[in-house]
Amino acid sequence: MKVEKNILSLIGNTPLIRLEKVVEGFQGNFFTKLESYNPGHSNKDRIALHIIEEAERTGILKPGDTIIETTSGNTGFSLAMVSLIKGYECILAVSSKSSKDKIDMLYAMGAKVYVCPANVSVEDSRSYYQVAKTLHNEIKDSVYINQYFNNLNIEAHYKTTGPEIWEQTHGKITHLVASSGTGGTISGCAKYLKEKNPDIEIIGVDAYGSVLKKYHETRELDRNEIYPYRIEGLGKNLIPSATDFDSIDSFIKVTDEDSAHSAREVTRKEGLFIGYTSGAALQAVKQLDKIGKFKKDDIVVIIFPDHGSRYMSKIYSDDWMNEQGFFDTAKKEPHNKIEYI
């Protein structure tokens, strides 16, 4: 029988899928690396497994220990899943910006969850960074994963996602477009792909309200760039050391509203039920196409990191979209009403 020992063996080797309808009329050939095919429905499965197994290998993590982490939701779910399989307790400090769906899923996976206010400074004792540190200091035999400053984050994608993309495109990739939060995905992929071909262009996607694009251009943290925004897992109000800015050629910023509509468009036109951050990646490609970034024969890979099920109470809720004013513009979507008999 061909049987997997457990779901951890299903992590990685996600498919590369050609996009058609959402890029109709664009210059170039566009493909998505569909990370929702991981068992935890996001690219964060890769770092959760890699970091935990490296901590085990080096003796940092021992049976009976507790894993602590800060998360916008997806990393937390992956850590909770891996912890459950391997027998560790898992405690997560979560941003209040995370959707209720994500928070409920963390709880369902057995994690202890602390929801922390999103719009406070990094140094504030209520921020999820400080809450995680406090819990780590208070709980004996705990390990703080600290994904934002953990180079194993980069290594996980250098060893898996980057090589997969290279092999799946037969080395023909010309551009990689990836959303950047912690920066591990884009940095790990960039490091591997640039070693194979330095001419591959790496484009990071950032949010308005985040500091990453400005920092990439100036190498200075400009706190005037920081203001509240809605996209989860994209951008940052600090500079994560898990981002290798030198390996990224440029950044492009996208709005909350455009990203939400782009995610919904992919779902309705391509049948791919993608998340908010994935919508941001496609929105970046739309903007890049408008300025003539791509040529006819280019092979553009867009990483779709997450699954739409995490955002049912947000971008896939018409009520939430209305509350944000996202239907107040010229954007009109074809819509079928739910009818009850």
C-alpha atoms as a PDB file:
ATOM      1  CA  MET A   1       0.000   0.000   0.000  1.00  0.00           C
ATOM      2  CA  LYS A   2       1.111   3.562  -0.669  1.00  0.00           C
ATOM      3  CA  VAL A   3       0.337   5.229   2.651  1.00  0.00           C
ATOM      4  CA  GLU A   4       1.745   8.387   4.245  1.00  0.00           C
ATOM      5  CA  LYS A   5       2.945   8.089   7.850  1.00  0.00           C
ATOM      6  CA  ASN A   6       1.216  11.373   8.706  1.00  0.00           C
ATOM      7  CA  ILE A   7       0.299  14.664   7.033  1.00  0.00           C
ATOM      8  CA  LEU A   8       3.757  16.165   7.568  1.00  0.00           C
ATOM      9  CA  SER A   9       5.059  14.140   4.625  1.00  0.00           C
ATOM     10  CA  LEU A  10       2.625  16.056   2.391  1.00  0.00           C
ATOM     11  CA  ILE A  11       4.319  19.397   3.010  1.00  0.00           C
ATOM     12  CA  GLY A  12       5.937  20.882  -0.110  1.00  0.00           C
ATOM     13  CA  ASN A  13       5.964  19.888  -3.781  1.00  0.00           C
ATOM     14  CA  THR A  14       2.993  22.156  -4.447  1.00  0.00           C
ATOM     15  CA  PRO A  15       1.768  22.545  -8.041  1.00  0.00           C
ATOM     16  CA  LEU A  16       2.623  25.268 -10.547  1.00  0.00           C
ATOM     17  CA  ILE A  17      -0.535  26.307 -12.415  1.00  0.00           C
ATOM     18  CA  ARG A  18      -0.901  28.486 -15.497  1.00  0.00           C
ATOM     19  CA  LEU A  19      -3.143  31.529 -15.045  1.00  0.00           C
ATOM     20  CA  GLU A  20      -5.441  32.351 -17.949  1.00  0.00           C
ATOM     21  CA  LYS A  21      -8.485  34.567 -17.436  1.00  0.00           C
ATOM     22  CA  VAL A  22      -7.154  36.961 -14.790  1.00  0.00           C
ATOM     23  CA  VAL A  23      -4.130  37.808 -16.953  1.00  0.00           C
ATOM     24  CA  GLU A  24      -5.925  37.920 -20.287  1.00  0.00           C
ATOM     25  CA  GLY A  25      -4.259  40.492 -22.549  1.00  0.00           C
ATOM     26  CA  PHE A  26      -1.131  40.740 -20.391  1.00  0.00           C
ATOM     27  CA  GLN A  27       2.348  40.520 -21.903  1.00  0.00           C
ATOM     28  CA  GLY A  28       4.114  37.363 -20.703  1.00  0.00           C
ATOM     29  CA  ASN A  29       3.249  33.915 -19.381  1.00  0.00           C
ATOM     30  CA  PHE A  30       1.973  33.765 -15.831  1.00  0.00           C
ATOM     31  CA  PHE A  31       2.006  30.856 -13.394  1.00  0.00           C
ATOM     32  CA  THR A  32       1.084  30.524  -9.741  1.00  0.00           C
ATOM     33  CA  LYS A  33       2.920  28.467  -7.165  1.00  0.00           C
ATOM     34  CA  LEU A  34      -0.187  27.290  -5.305  1.00  0.00           C
ATOM     35  CA  GLU A  35       0.903  26.966  -1.673  1.00  0.00           C
ATOM     36  CA  SER A  36      -2.614  26.235  -0.409  1.00  0.00           C
ATOM     37  CA  TYR A  37      -1.920  22.649  -1.524  1.00  0.00           C
ATOM     38  CA  ASN A  38       0.152  22.200   1.623  1.00  0.00           C
ATOM     39  CA  PRO A  39      -1.827  20.284   4.291  1.00  0.00           C
ATOM     40  CA  GLY A  40      -2.065  23.398   6.477  1.00  0.00           C
ATOM     41  CA  HIS A  41      -3.248  25.394   3.434  1.00  0.00           C
ATOM     42  CA  SER A  42      -0.316  27.836   3.294  1.00  0.00           C
ATOM     43  CA  ASN A  43       3.404  28.196   2.609  1.00  0.00           C
ATOM     44  CA  LYS A  44       3.962  28.494   6.367  1.00  0.00           C
ATOM     45  CA  ASP A  45       3.857  24.694   6.692  1.00  0.00           C
ATOM     46  CA  ARG A  46       7.339  24.659   5.184  1.00  0.00           C
ATOM     47  CA  ILE A  47       8.923  26.906   7.819  1.00  0.00           C
ATOM     48  CA  ALA A  48       7.015  25.350  10.723  1.00  0.00           C
ATOM     49  CA  LEU A  49       8.288  21.870   9.910  1.00  0.00           C
ATOM     50  CA  HIS A  50      11.833  22.991   9.076  1.00  0.00           C
ATOM     51  CA  ILE A  51      12.286  25.166  12.176  1.00  0.00           C
ATOM     52  CA  ILE A  52      10.848  22.578  14.568  1.00  0.00           C
ATOM     53  CA  GLU A  53      12.910  19.734  13.118  1.00  0.00           C
ATOM     54  CA  GLU A  54      16.080  21.836  13.232  1.00  0.00           C
ATOM     55  CA  ALA A  55      15.317  22.727  16.876  1.00  0.00           C
ATOM     56  CA  GLU A  56      14.902  19.021  17.604  1.00  0.00           C
ATOM     57  CA  ARG A  57      18.101  18.112  15.786  1.00  0.00           C
ATOM     58  CA  THR A  58      20.170  20.672  17.699  1.00  0.00           C
ATOM     59  CA  GLY A  59      18.633  19.782  21.062  1.00  0.00           C
ATOM     60  CA  ILE A  60      16.926  23.143  21.576  1.00  0.00           C
ATOM     61  CA  LEU A  61      13.496  21.484  21.508  1.00  0.00           C
ATOM     62  CA  LYS A  62      12.923  18.441  23.721  1.00  0.00           C
ATOM     63  CA  PRO A  63       9.919  16.192  24.457  1.00  0.00           C
ATOM     64  CA  GLY A  64       7.421  17.981  26.690  1.00  0.00           C
ATOM     65  CA  ASP A  65       8.549  21.493  25.689  1.00  0.00           C
ATOM     66  CA  THR A  66       6.176  24.312  24.741  1.00  0.00           C
ATOM     67  CA  ILE A  67       6.430  26.164  21.422  1.00  0.00           C
ATOM     68  CA  ILE A  68       5.647  29.904  21.456  1.00  0.00           C
ATOM     69  CA  GLU A  69       5.283  32.163  18.434  1.00  0.00           C
ATOM     70  CA  THR A  70       3.864  35.429  17.132  1.00  0.00           C
ATOM     71  CA  THR A  71       1.655  35.063  14.075  1.00  0.00           C
ATOM     72  CA  SER A  72      -0.903  36.708  11.808  1.00  0.00           C
ATOM     73  CA  GLY A  73      -2.582  33.301  11.658  1.00  0.00           C
ATOM     74  CA  ASN A  74      -1.091  31.110   8.941  1.00  0.00           C
ATOM     75  CA  THR A  75       2.226  30.430  10.671  1.00  0.00           C
ATOM     76  CA  GLY A  76       0.338  29.742  13.862  1.00  0.00           C
ATOM     77  CA  PHE A  77      -1.880  27.160  12.228  1.00  0.00           C
ATOM     78  CA  SER A  78       1.132  25.411  10.705  1.00  0.00           C
ATOM     79  CA  LEU A  79       2.999  25.415  14.018  1.00  0.00           C
ATOM     80  CA  ALA A  80      -0.079  24.130  15.847  1.00  0.00           C
ATOM     81  CA  MET A  81      -0.460  21.356  13.283  1.00  0.00           C
ATOM     82  CA  VAL A  82       3.199  20.271  13.448  1.00  0.00           C
ATOM     83  CA  SER A  83       3.211  20.566  17.257  1.00  0.00           C
ATOM     84  CA  LEU A  84       0.121  18.396  17.497  1.00  0.00           C
ATOM     85  CA  ILE A  85       1.661  15.645  15.370  1.00  0.00           C
ATOM     86  CA  LYS A  86       4.987  15.791  17.234  1.00  0.00           C
ATOM     87  CA  GLY A  87       3.490  16.073  20.738  1.00  0.00           C
ATOM     88  CA  TYR A  88       4.369  19.641  21.792  1.00  0.00           C
ATOM     89  CA  GLU A  89       2.194  22.264  23.475  1.00  0.00           C
ATOM     90  CA  CYS A  90       1.707  25.354  21.308  1.00  0.00           C
ATOM     91  CA  ILE A  91       1.033  28.924  22.477  1.00  0.00           C
ATOM     92  CA  LEU A  92       0.381  31.666  19.935  1.00  0.00           C
ATOM     93  CA  ALA A  93       0.281  35.459  20.277  1.00  0.00           C
ATOM     94  CA  VAL A  94      -1.959  36.642  17.454  1.00  0.00           C
ATOM     95  CA  SER A  95      -2.589  40.082  15.978  1.00  0.00           C
ATOM     96  CA  SER A  96      -6.157  41.324  16.375  1.00  0.00           C
ATOM     97  CA  LYS A  97      -6.000  42.067  12.640  1.00  0.00           C
ATOM     98  CA  SER A  98      -6.222  38.315  12.027  1.00  0.00           C
ATOM     99  CA  SER A  99      -9.601  37.142  10.790  1.00  0.00           C
ATOM    100  CA  LYS A 100     -11.954  35.401  13.225  1.00  0.00           C
ATOM    101  CA  ASP A 101     -11.715  32.378  10.927  1.00  0.00           C
ATOM    102  CA  LYS A 102      -7.961  32.147  11.499  1.00  0.00           C
ATOM    103  CA  ILE A 103      -8.254  32.566  15.261  1.00  0.00           C
ATOM    104  CA  ASP A 104     -10.977  29.918  15.485  1.00  0.00           C
ATOM    105  CA  MET A 105      -8.869  27.515  13.413  1.00  0.00           C
ATOM    106  CA  LEU A 106      -5.878  27.956  15.735  1.00  0.00           C
ATOM    107  CA  TYR A 107      -8.086  27.115  18.699  1.00  0.00           C
ATOM    108  CA  ALA A 108      -9.558  24.131  16.875  1.00  0.00           C
ATOM    109  CA  MET A 109      -6.035  22.820  16.236  1.00  0.00           C
ATOM    110  CA  GLY A 110      -5.391  22.781  19.988  1.00  0.00           C
ATOM    111  CA  ALA A 111      -3.269  25.925  20.395  1.00  0.00           C
ATOM    112  CA  LYS A 112      -3.538  28.327  23.328  1.00  0.00           C
ATOM    113  CA  VAL A 113      -4.270  31.684  21.705  1.00  0.00           C
ATOM    114  CA  TYR A 114      -3.637  35.235  22.956  1.00  0.00           C
ATOM    115  CA  VAL A 115      -5.209  37.933  20.747  1.00  0.00           C
ATOM    116  CA  CYS A 116      -3.201  41.182  20.944  1.00  0.00           C
ATOM    117  CA  PRO A 117      -4.048  44.681  19.614  1.00  0.00           C
ATOM    118  CA  ALA A 118      -2.639  45.255  16.129  1.00  0.00           C
ATOM    119  CA  ASN A 119      -2.298  49.027  16.124  1.00  0.00           C
ATOM    120  CA  VAL A 120       0.226  49.468  18.931  1.00  0.00           C
ATOM    121  CA  SER A 121       3.979  49.963  18.707  1.00  0.00           C
ATOM    122  CA  VAL A 122       6.364  47.025  18.690  1.00  0.00           C
ATOM    123  CA  GLU A 123       7.651  48.112  22.119  1.00  0.00           C
ATOM    124  CA  ASP A 124       4.162  48.230  23.694  1.00  0.00           C
ATOM    125  CA  SER A 125       3.710  45.481  26.302  1.00  0.00           C
ATOM    126  CA  ARG A 126       0.418  44.529  24.614  1.00  0.00           C
ATOM    127  CA  SER A 127       1.969  43.975  21.170  1.00  0.00           C
ATOM    128  CA  TYR A 128       2.099  40.374  20.102  1.00  0.00           C
ATOM    129  CA  TYR A 129       5.895  40.546  19.973  1.00  0.00           C
ATOM    130  CA  GLN A 130       6.135  41.575  23.639  1.00  0.00           C
ATOM    131  CA  VAL A 131       3.388  39.186  24.774  1.00  0.00           C
ATOM    132  CA  ALA A 132       5.249  36.250  23.184  1.00  0.00           C
ATOM    133  CA  LYS A 133       8.520  37.316  24.846  1.00  0.00           C
ATOM    134  CA  THR A 134       6.819  37.604  28.240  1.00  0.00           C
ATOM    135  CA  LEU A 135       5.233  34.171  27.913  1.00  0.00           C
ATOM    136  CA  HIS A 136       8.580  32.688  26.899  1.00  0.00           C
ATOM    137  CA  ASN A 137      10.252  34.187  29.969  1.00  0.00           C
ATOM    138  CA  GLU A 138       7.483  32.954  32.270  1.00  0.00           C
ATOM    139  CA  ILE A 139       7.012  29.411  30.949  1.00  0.00           C
ATOM    140  CA  LYS A 140       9.695  26.876  31.812  1.00  0.00           C
ATOM    141  CA  ASP A 141      10.949  24.665  28.969  1.00  0.00           C
ATOM    142  CA  SER A 142       9.474  26.898  26.262  1.00  0.00           C
ATOM    143  CA  VAL A 143      10.985  27.673  22.876  1.00  0.00           C
ATOM    144  CA  TYR A 144      10.224  30.998  21.158  1.00  0.00           C
ATOM    145  CA  ILE A 145      10.296  30.404  17.395  1.00  0.00           C
ATOM    146  CA  ASN A 146      10.561  34.124  16.583  1.00  0.00           C
ATOM    147  CA  GLN A 147       9.924  33.754  12.844  1.00  0.00           C
ATOM    148  CA  TYR A 148      10.616  37.410  12.046  1.00  0.00           C
ATOM    149  CA  PHE A 149      14.245  37.131  13.092  1.00  0.00           C
ATOM    150  CA  ASN A 150      14.890  33.479  12.315  1.00  0.00           C
ATOM    151  CA  ASN A 151      17.146  32.700   9.364  1.00  0.00           C
ATOM    152  CA  LEU A 152      15.771  29.168   9.283  1.00  0.00           C
ATOM    153  CA  ASN A 153      12.710  30.821   7.732  1.00  0.00           C
ATOM    154  CA  ILE A 154      14.849  31.707   4.690  1.00  0.00           C
ATOM    155  CA  GLU A 155      16.555  28.326   4.690  1.00  0.00           C
ATOM    156  CA  ALA A 156      13.240  26.444   4.532  1.00  0.00           C
ATOM    157  CA  HIS A 157      12.372  28.108   1.218  1.00  0.00           C
ATOM    158  CA  TYR A 158      15.957  27.977  -0.085  1.00  0.00           C
ATOM    159  CA  LYS A 159      15.851  24.205   0.320  1.00  0.00           C
ATOM    160  CA  THR A 160      12.305  23.579  -0.939  1.00  0.00           C
ATOM    161  CA  THR A 161      10.256  26.305  -2.641  1.00  0.00           C
ATOM    162  CA  GLY A 162      13.097  27.787  -4.694  1.00  0.00           C
ATOM    163  CA  PRO A 163      14.281  24.447  -6.126  1.00  0.00           C
ATOM    164  CA  GLU A 164      10.697  23.404  -6.867  1.00  0.00           C
ATOM    165  CA  ILE A 165      10.065  26.579  -8.891  1.00  0.00           C
ATOM    166  CA  TRP A 166      13.332  26.151 -10.795  1.00  0.00           C
ATOM    167  CA  GLU A 167      12.542  22.549 -11.674  1.00  0.00           C
ATOM    168  CA  GLN A 168       8.890  23.182 -12.528  1.00  0.00           C
ATOM    169  CA  THR A 169       9.809  25.962 -14.981  1.00  0.00           C
ATOM    170  CA  HIS A 170      12.762  23.950 -16.354  1.00  0.00           C
ATOM    171  CA  GLY A 171      14.958  26.880 -15.385  1.00  0.00           C
ATOM    172  CA  LYS A 172      13.078  29.282 -17.652  1.00  0.00           C
ATOM    173  CA  ILE A 173      11.649  31.572 -14.973  1.00  0.00           C
ATOM    174  CA  THR A 174      12.392  35.255 -15.649  1.00  0.00           C
ATOM    175  CA  HIS A 175      10.451  36.944 -12.799  1.00  0.00           C
ATOM    176  CA  LEU A 176       9.306  35.956  -9.317  1.00  0.00           C
ATOM    177  CA  VAL A 177       6.550  37.989  -7.679  1.00  0.00           C
ATOM    178  CA  ALA A 178       5.970  37.273  -3.993  1.00  0.00           C
ATOM    179  CA  SER A 179       4.314  39.016  -1.077  1.00  0.00           C
ATOM    180  CA  SER A 180       6.695  39.941   1.736  1.00  0.00           C
ATOM    181  CA  GLY A 181       5.886  39.843   5.437  1.00  0.00           C
ATOM    182  CA  THR A 182       8.537  38.054   7.456  1.00  0.00           C
ATOM    183  CA  GLY A 183      10.398  37.852   4.157  1.00  0.00           C
ATOM    184  CA  GLY A 184      11.400  34.210   4.451  1.00  0.00           C
ATOM    185  CA  THR A 185       9.560  32.997   1.362  1.00  0.00           C
ATOM    186  CA  ILE A 186      10.791  35.645  -1.049  1.00  0.00           C
ATOM    187  CA  SER A 187      14.338  35.701   0.393  1.00  0.00           C
ATOM    188  CA  GLY A 188      14.806  31.930   0.363  1.00  0.00           C
ATOM    189  CA  CYS A 189      13.445  31.604  -3.158  1.00  0.00           C
ATOM    190  CA  ALA A 190      15.498  34.587  -4.343  1.00  0.00           C
ATOM    191  CA  LYS A 191      18.718  33.205  -2.907  1.00  0.00           C
ATOM    192  CA  TYR A 192      18.277  29.859  -4.677  1.00  0.00           C
ATOM    193  CA  LEU A 193      17.024  31.245  -7.987  1.00  0.00           C
ATOM    194  CA  LYS A 194      19.712  33.935  -8.232  1.00  0.00           C
ATOM    195  CA  GLU A 195      22.370  31.286  -7.677  1.00  0.00           C
ATOM    196  CA  LYS A 196      20.941  29.466 -10.686  1.00  0.00           C
ATOM    197  CA  ASN A 197      20.464  32.591 -12.799  1.00  0.00           C
ATOM    198  CA  PRO A 198      21.391  36.074 -11.482  1.00  0.00           C
ATOM    199  CA  ASP A 199      19.218  37.691 -14.178  1.00  0.00           C
ATOM    200  CA  ILE A 200      15.963  36.422 -12.648  1.00  0.00           C
ATOM    201  CA  GLU A 201      14.120  39.478 -11.339  1.00  0.00           C
ATOM    202  CA  ILE A 202      12.726  39.229  -7.813  1.00  0.00           C
ATOM    203  CA  ILE A 203       9.810  41.561  -7.057  1.00  0.00           C
ATOM    204  CA  GLY A 204       8.444  41.937  -3.542  1.00  0.00           C
ATOM    205  CA  VAL A 205       4.880  42.983  -2.773  1.00  0.00           C
ATOM    206  CA  ASP A 206       4.335  45.382   0.128  1.00  0.00           C
ATOM    207  CA  ALA A 207       1.314  47.090   1.676  1.00  0.00           C
ATOM    208  CA  TYR A 208       0.562  50.775   2.084  1.00  0.00           C
ATOM    209  CA  GLY A 209       1.143  51.342   5.797  1.00  0.00           C
ATOM    210  CA  SER A 210       4.247  49.120   5.820  1.00  0.00           C
ATOM    211  CA  VAL A 211       7.927  50.091   5.928  1.00  0.00           C
ATOM    212  CA  LEU A 212       9.500  47.432   3.688  1.00  0.00           C
ATOM    213  CA  LYS A 213       9.535  49.193   0.291  1.00  0.00           C
ATOM    214  CA  LYS A 214      10.967  52.424   1.694  1.00  0.00           C
ATOM    215  CA  TYR A 215      13.575  50.527   3.708  1.00  0.00           C
ATOM    216  CA  HIS A 216      14.633  48.558   0.614  1.00  0.00           C
ATOM    217  CA  GLU A 217      15.210  51.817  -1.248  1.00  0.00           C
ATOM    218  CA  THR A 218      16.875  53.859   1.525  1.00  0.00           C
ATOM    219  CA  ARG A 219      18.029  51.302   4.150  1.00  0.00           C
ATOM    220  CA  GLU A 220      16.374  53.534   6.733  1.00  0.00           C
ATOM    221  CA  LEU A 221      13.326  52.756   8.872  1.00  0.00           C
ATOM    222  CA  ASP A 222      10.815  55.543   8.267  1.00  0.00           C
ATOM    223  CA  ARG A 223       8.119  55.373  10.948  1.00  0.00           C
ATOM    224  CA  ASN A 224       6.102  57.964   9.026  1.00  0.00           C
ATOM    225  CA  GLU A 225       5.299  55.143   6.591  1.00  0.00           C
ATOM    226  CA  ILE A 226       3.404  53.257   9.301  1.00  0.00           C
ATOM    227  CA  TYR A 227      -0.370  53.426   9.558  1.00  0.00           C
ATOM    228  CA  PRO A 228      -3.124  50.813  10.001  1.00  0.00           C
ATOM    229  CA  TYR A 229      -4.011  48.569   7.071  1.00  0.00           C
ATOM    230  CA  ARG A 230      -6.118  45.453   6.674  1.00  0.00           C
ATOM    231  CA  ILE A 231      -4.102  42.852   4.738  1.00  0.00           C
ATOM    232  CA  GLU A 232      -2.837  40.114   7.039  1.00  0.00           C
ATOM    233  CA  GLY A 233       0.629  38.635   6.632  1.00  0.00           C
ATOM    234  CA  LEU A 234       1.835  41.363   4.260  1.00  0.00           C
ATOM    235  CA  GLY A 235       4.268  44.137   5.092  1.00  0.00           C
ATOM    236  CA  LYS A 236       5.635  45.063   8.507  1.00  0.00           C
ATOM    237  CA  ASN A 237       6.042  47.934  10.976  1.00  0.00           C
ATOM    238  CA  LEU A 238       9.568  46.716  11.747  1.00  0.00           C
ATOM    239  CA  ILE A 239      12.502  45.408   9.725  1.00  0.00           C
ATOM    240  CA  PRO A 240      12.585  41.597   9.888  1.00  0.00           C
ATOM    241  CA  SER A 241      16.062  40.081   9.742  1.00  0.00           C
ATOM    242  CA  ALA A 242      14.487  37.139   7.904  1.00  0.00           C
ATOM    243  CA  THR A 243      14.304  39.428   4.866  1.00  0.00           C
ATOM    244  CA  ASP A 244      17.385  39.509   2.639  1.00  0.00           C
ATOM    245  CA  PHE A 245      16.819  42.901   1.041  1.00  0.00           C
ATOM    246  CA  ASP A 246      19.908  42.560  -1.152  1.00  0.00           C
ATOM    247  CA  SER A 247      18.406  39.564  -2.977  1.00  0.00           C
ATOM    248  CA  ILE A 248      15.202  41.453  -3.858  1.00  0.00           C
ATOM    249  CA  ASP A 249      15.355  43.723  -6.916  1.00  0.00           C
ATOM    250  CA  SER A 250      12.357  45.926  -6.168  1.00  0.00           C
ATOM    251  CA  PHE A 251       9.148  46.285  -4.180  1.00  0.00           C
ATOM    252  CA  ILE A 252       5.708  47.415  -5.269  1.00  0.00           C
ATOM    253  CA  LYS A 253       2.908  48.530  -2.947  1.00  0.00           C
ATOM    254  CA  VAL A 254      -0.752  47.510  -3.213  1.00  0.00           C
ATOM    255  CA  THR A 255      -3.887  48.722  -1.466  1.00  0.00           C
ATOM    256  CA  ASP A 256      -6.208  46.753   0.810  1.00  0.00           C
ATOM    257  CA  GLU A 257      -9.143  47.337  -1.510  1.00  0.00           C
ATOM    258  CA  ASP A 258      -7.454  46.343  -4.763  1.00  0.00           C
ATOM    259  CA  SER A 259      -5.978  43.224  -3.172  1.00  0.00           C
ATOM    260  CA  ALA A 260      -9.356  42.100  -1.839  1.00  0.00           C
ATOM    261  CA  HIS A 261     -10.999  42.478  -5.239  1.00  0.00           C
ATOM    262  CA  SER A 262      -8.110  40.694  -6.968  1.00  0.00           C
ATOM    263  CA  ALA A 263      -8.454  37.700  -4.636  1.00  0.00           C
ATOM    264  CA  ARG A 264     -12.169  37.476  -5.347  1.00  0.00           C
ATOM    265  CA  GLU A 265     -11.484  37.796  -9.068  1.00  0.00           C
ATOM    266  CA  VAL A 266      -9.078  34.841  -9.049  1.00  0.00           C
ATOM    267  CA  THR A 267     -11.638  32.721  -7.218  1.00  0.00           C
ATOM    268  CA  ARG A 268     -14.421  33.530  -9.670  1.00  0.00           C
ATOM    269  CA  LYS A 269     -12.387  33.375 -12.873  1.00  0.00           C
ATOM    270  CA  GLU A 270      -9.772  30.681 -12.215  1.00  0.00           C
ATOM    271  CA  GLY A 271     -11.546  28.531  -9.609  1.00  0.00           C
ATOM    272  CA  LEU A 272      -8.620  28.983  -7.218  1.00  0.00           C
ATOM    273  CA  PHE A 273      -9.877  29.823  -3.724  1.00  0.00           C
ATOM    274  CA  ILE A 274      -7.033  32.084  -2.634  1.00  0.00           C
ATOM    275  CA  GLY A 275      -6.408  34.284   0.385  1.00  0.00           C
ATOM    276  CA  TYR A 276      -5.933  38.015   0.903  1.00  0.00           C
ATOM    277  CA  THR A 277      -2.134  37.945   0.541  1.00  0.00           C
ATOM    278  CA  SER A 278      -2.445  35.949  -2.672  1.00  0.00           C
ATOM    279  CA  GLY A 279      -4.791  38.623  -3.988  1.00  0.00           C
ATOM    280  CA  ALA A 280      -2.132  41.202  -3.171  1.00  0.00           C
ATOM    281  CA  ALA A 281       0.398  39.281  -5.285  1.00  0.00           C
ATOM    282  CA  LEU A 282      -1.923  39.222  -8.293  1.00  0.00           C
ATOM    283  CA  GLN A 283      -2.738  42.905  -7.811  1.00  0.00           C
ATOM    284  CA  ALA A 284       0.984  43.658  -7.984  1.00  0.00           C
ATOM    285  CA  VAL A 285       1.205  41.795 -11.299  1.00  0.00           C
ATOM    286  CA  LYS A 286      -1.701  43.841 -12.666  1.00  0.00           C
ATOM    287  CA  GLN A 287       0.067  47.066 -11.750  1.00  0.00           C
ATOM    288  CA  LEU A 288       3.359  45.861 -13.194  1.00  0.00           C
ATOM    289  CA  ASP A 289       1.678  44.885 -16.461  1.00  0.00           C
ATOM    290  CA  LYS A 290       0.188  48.368 -16.737  1.00  0.00           C
ATOM    291  CA  ILE A 291       3.641  49.936 -16.663  1.00  0.00           C
ATOM    292  CA  GLY A 292       4.986  47.492 -19.275  1.00  0.00           C
ATOM    293  CA  LYS A 293       7.172  45.453 -16.946  1.00  0.00           C
ATOM    294  CA  PHE A 294       6.869  42.152 -18.797  1.00  0.00           C
ATOM    295  CA  LYS A 295       7.675  40.995 -22.315  1.00  0.00           C
ATOM    296  CA  LYS A 296       5.872  38.443 -24.467  1.00  0.00           C
ATOM    297  CA  ASP A 297       8.141  35.476 -23.717  1.00  0.00           C
ATOM    298  CA  ASP A 298       8.690  36.159 -20.003  1.00  0.00           C
ATOM    299  CA  ILE A 299       7.951  33.368 -17.529  1.00  0.00           C
ATOM    300  CA  VAL A 300       6.471  35.006 -14.447  1.00  0.00           C
ATOM    301  CA  VAL A 301       5.884  32.950 -11.301  1.00  0.00           C
ATOM    302  CA  ILE A 302       3.532  34.413  -8.691  1.00  0.00           C
ATOM    303  CA  ILE A 303       3.466  32.808  -5.262  1.00  0.00           C
ATOM    304  CA  PHE A 304      -0.074  32.428  -3.912  1.00  0.00           C
ATOM    305  CA  PRO A 305       0.754  31.705  -0.262  1.00  0.00           C
ATOM    306  CA  ASP A 306      -2.630  31.143   1.348  1.00  0.00           C
ATOM    307  CA  HIS A 307      -6.170  29.743   1.078  1.00  0.00           C
ATOM    308  CA  GLY A 308      -9.469  31.597   0.943  1.00  0.00           C
ATOM    309  CA  SER A 309     -11.044  29.625   3.805  1.00  0.00           C
ATOM    310  CA  ARG A 310      -9.078  31.787   6.245  1.00  0.00           C
ATOM    311  CA  TYR A 311     -10.903  34.905   5.054  1.00  0.00           C
ATOM    312  CA  MET A 312     -14.592  33.973   4.958  1.00  0.00           C
ATOM    313  CA  SER A 313     -15.420  36.667   7.510  1.00  0.00           C
ATOM    314  CA  LYS A 314     -13.329  39.227   5.651  1.00  0.00           C
ATOM    315  CA  ILE A 315     -12.745  39.490   1.901  1.00  0.00           C
ATOM    316  CA  TYR A 316     -15.286  36.795   1.031  1.00  0.00           C
ATOM    317  CA  SER A 317     -17.955  38.454   3.162  1.00  0.00           C
ATOM    318  CA  ASP A 318     -19.977  41.054   1.273  1.00  0.00           C
ATOM    319  CA  ASP A 319     -20.922  42.606   4.621  1.00  0.00           C
ATOM    320  CA  TRP A 320     -17.257  43.093   5.555  1.00  0.00           C
ATOM    321  CA  MET A 321     -16.424  44.452   2.097  1.00  0.00           C
ATOM    322  CA  ASN A 322     -19.260  46.935   2.433  1.00  0.00           C
ATOM    323  CA  GLU A 323     -18.142  47.968   5.925  1.00  0.00           C
ATOM    324  CA  GLN A 324     -14.676  48.780   4.556  1.00  0.00           C
ATOM    325  CA  GLY A 325     -16.203  50.826   1.733  1.00  0.00           C
ATOM    326  CA  PHE A 326     -14.744  48.459  -0.853  1.00  0.00           C
ATOM    327  CA  PHE A 327     -18.002  48.352  -2.827  1.00  0.00           C
ATOM    328  CA  ASP A 328     -18.350  52.145  -2.823  1.00  0.00           C
ATOM    329  CA  THR A 329     -16.075  52.574  -5.821  1.00  0.00           C
ATOM    330  CA  ALA A 330     -16.567  51.764  -9.485  1.00  0.00           C
ATOM    331  CA  LYS A 331     -15.650  48.140  -8.772  1.00  0.00           C
ATOM    332  CA  LYS A 332     -18.730  46.066  -9.417  1.00  0.00           C
ATOM    333  CA  GLU A 333     -18.590  42.297  -9.163  1.00  0.00           C
ATOM    334  CA  PRO A 334     -20.966  39.815 -10.802  1.00  0.00           C
ATOM    335  CA  HIS A 335     -22.953  38.423  -7.941  1.00  0.00           C
ATOM    336  CA  ASN A 336     -25.455  35.674  -7.329  1.00  0.00           C
ATOM    337  CA  LYS A 337     -27.581  36.047  -4.235  1.00  0.00           C
ATOM    338  CA  ILE A 338     -28.026  33.127  -1.871  1.00  0.00           C
ATOM    339  CA  GLU A 339     -31.653  32.021  -1.993  1.00  0.00           C
ATOM    340  CA  TYR A 340     -33.351  30.085   0.786  1.00  0.00           C
ATOM    341  CA  ILE A 341     -36.290  27.845  -0.117  1.00  0.00           C
END
